[in-house]
Amino acid sequence: MLCGRWKSCRRRPEEPSVPAQVATPVALAPPDGGSRRPGLRALKKMGLTEDEDVRAMLQGSRLCKIRSRTWHKERLYRLQEDGLSVWFQRRIPRAPSQHIFFVQHIEAVREGHQSEGLRRFGGAFPPARCLTIAFKGRRKNLDLAAATAEEAQRWVRGLAKLRARLDAMSQRERLDHWIHAYLHRADSDQDSKMSFKEIKSLLRMVNVDMNDMYAYRLFKECDHSNNERLEGAEIEEFLRRLLKRPELEEIFHRYSGEDRVLSAPELLEFLEDQSEDGTTLAHAQKLIHTYELNETAKQHELMTLDGFMMYLLSPEGAALDPAHTCVFQDMGQPLSHYFISSSHNTYLTDSQIGGLSSTEAYVRAFAQGCRCVELDCWEGPGGEPIIYHGHTLTSKILFRDVVQTVRDHAFSLSPYPVILSLENHCGLEQQAVMAHHLRTILGDALVTQGLDTQNPEELPSPEQLKGRVLVKGKKLPAARSEDGRILSDQEEEEEEEEEEVEAAEQRRRISPELSALVVYCCATRLRTLRPNPVPPQPCQVSSLSERKAKKLIRGAGNSFVRHNAHQLTRVYPLGLRMNSANYSPQEMWNSGCQLVALNFQTPGYEMDLNAGRFLINGQCGYVLKPACLRQPDTTFDPECPGPPRTTLTIQVLTAQQLPKLNTEKPNSIVDPLVRVEVHGVPADCARKETNYVLNNGFNPRWGQTLQFQLRAPELALVRFVVEDYDATSPNDFVGQFTLPLDSLKQGYRHIHLLSKDGASLSPATLFVHIRVQRF
């Protein structure tokens, strides 16, 4: 009989450990009653088998894929029985993985002509029959037209239901869903029974190369009918054994003792050892009622191993502090006190030499929390300004269409202000057209004059500018000629000796209509840092190349920090980065630069750092800078941060369900290693890694400890990377997760891994123990 009890003392090891012995199995949900279609089990667990829209998607639809005015091809699209993926027909058959897309990789589903592709090429199809599936990362939109409006609506509604259910699933449910989807694939004859050959196929699918003798022994231990087939409860038992987490069981038993259940006081003891803030007995009781699966245990306020695993796999058991996932920072400080998520060449989807320009690139940037986007404006035909990378082969889009995209999508994720960074190459007439489009399309959202409550010595706050759009560009001084020529700008002329004469002449001519829209973000050149106590000019924004910013950081670190305490600085990649590569943003953040602009279309560790920096504060695109970067008289210098004052210790314990890199080769199994990187001031930057584990991406174990000394922890980002070790070539990327050190929770934590494009790799996780000691 279950009962609560409390043990007053229990000896525990000083360091976390990985056990050698396996304890009690982790139970999966009970089988679905012997369904003859095990693939439907996934949808049944999602509660969607009876949904009419989902059932129609399972039958499939012939939808017209639209890529250009003349390229309209009918293709079959069908939801797979796992409820996680959609199979689609291709003209030329390819590898199986090239015939599906995953529901979890969908960014948005839009009805009607709500994409650039359908607005341009979908005119032959009524909007009611059209839909767009937009994906995370660099994958192109899928523009589709159905035979009827009702069929289009079925896909729109069905995908919405699948995405909502997937988002609502716990990590444990995702794992169950994931393993049963592979089980369905491994059941080659679809008889709901598993031969040893099919079990071996399943093991390879889930990234584990198990010794044949051990695998067969495990198979036979579950084959209670002794007929060389596993079915029903036997399959469930095999999966339970496969999914055991010995390291979790050891931790659980260390706190629960012999009766193998946690009372609320014992759970509280675990939470206190985890260094959880504000832990109380009431909080421990709440966790039991939230995560315990067994109703009897829950009634007695006890937590079983299953409930403990549910808790540790939940957001509350993750490395990222759940309190930091919503807007928790003070949003009432001047704009200059925040890091602001910023994009460079936002219109590009690829290289800056011959890549495609698209309004969809702006939609994707906003979906990633970007708050400062760039518009390279050039003279266009018919009196309409265009946007593209000048003097290159990149395609062109209308300025007007970009402004409409800003209106429609800028505040879809975040309510805080958006800055339009104009690189203006237009003549006076088309500048006036630009001003007209900005005013008429954006309406009241556009800031056209200073706020009444504005302190002239500082910029307004994100809170004051909610839902507003700011224009960053050149502004005419009070004295100017009637044609808009700047009469006195000697410094500008000196700077522009390095530029083309024609371009310099163009920039010296500014339309009064466009100038009037520049209120808080007046673009100015920064040649030298002004010595104190020159009054700050908060409405001036300087744009610096990465090279010039680095020169200032290394030559005048503290002066640059002080400058950035009251004025905005934008940093952008060198023009030599033809393939739209990025620089590391960390060095710029160290000196307080707010608008550190990156090519959002180019994945890599630089964008991982950007995503990690803005992962917190509700992903609203604004993160309050540390106090040392906000104080006008600060003595902080990123090049000389002082002695170490924090030790970060990470014990890498295990990983779970790492993705298979080459799904077309069944025998290709990853050899994973884990690297932990610290990105911060130069003295804090470091990387350390574990050994690799041979042929196991399913449940590899390390138990290795990595330690770091930090001098400026408030600026540090911690990046967890998993790679597939290769002795003869560079390691292949498997997954990563990046977050600020100040948002890293201590104790036993799961790291939920992300793909190269930032999409979830669920149920792939790392299990680690984290300790942060400040002194």
Foldseek 3Di string as FASTA:
>chain_A
DDADDDDPDFDDDPDAFFDDDFDDFAADDADPPFDLQLLLVQVVVLVCPPPPLLVVLQVWAFKWWADAQPRTHTKTWHQTSLLFKIFIDDPDDDFRVVGIDTLLFWLAKAFFQPFPRCVHRVPVAGRLQWMWTHGFFLDDITIIGGPDSVNSVSVRVSSVSSNVSVVPDFLSSLVVSVLSNLLSVLPPVSRQKAALSSVCLSCLQLFFDDDSVVSVVLLVVLPPVPPRIAHRVSVSSSVRVVPGDRSLQVVQCSQCPDVQKAALVSQLVQCVVLVPPPGDSVVSLVLLCVQADDPVCNVNRIHHSRSVVSCCRGPNNFQFFPVFQAADDDQFFFQLQWFFAAADLQQFLWFQAATEGGLVSVLNCLSLQHQEYEFEWEQDPPLFIWGGNPPHNYDIDTLLVNLLSCQVRNPPQAQFHHEYEYNDQYAQSSLLVNLVSNCPNNPPQQDQEDDPPDDQQAHGGRVVNGSHYAYAEAAADPDDDPQQARPDDVVLVVVCVVPDPSSSVSRRHHHNSNNSSHYQHHEDACDDQDDPPDRARASYEYEEEPVVLVVCLVPPQQSLLLNSLGHAYAYDYDPVPRRQDFDACQSVVQSSHRHDHGHLSDFDVNVLQSSQEQSTSNSNRIDRRPPLSNDNPHPARLQPLDFFFKKKKKFFFKKASFHQPDSSDSNRHFFKKKKKFKRHRPVQTDIDIFDTHPRGPHIDTTRDMDMGTDRCLSSIKIKIWMWRDDPPDDTHGGWMHIHRPVRGRAAWHKHFTADSSRRGPPPIITIMGIDMDGD
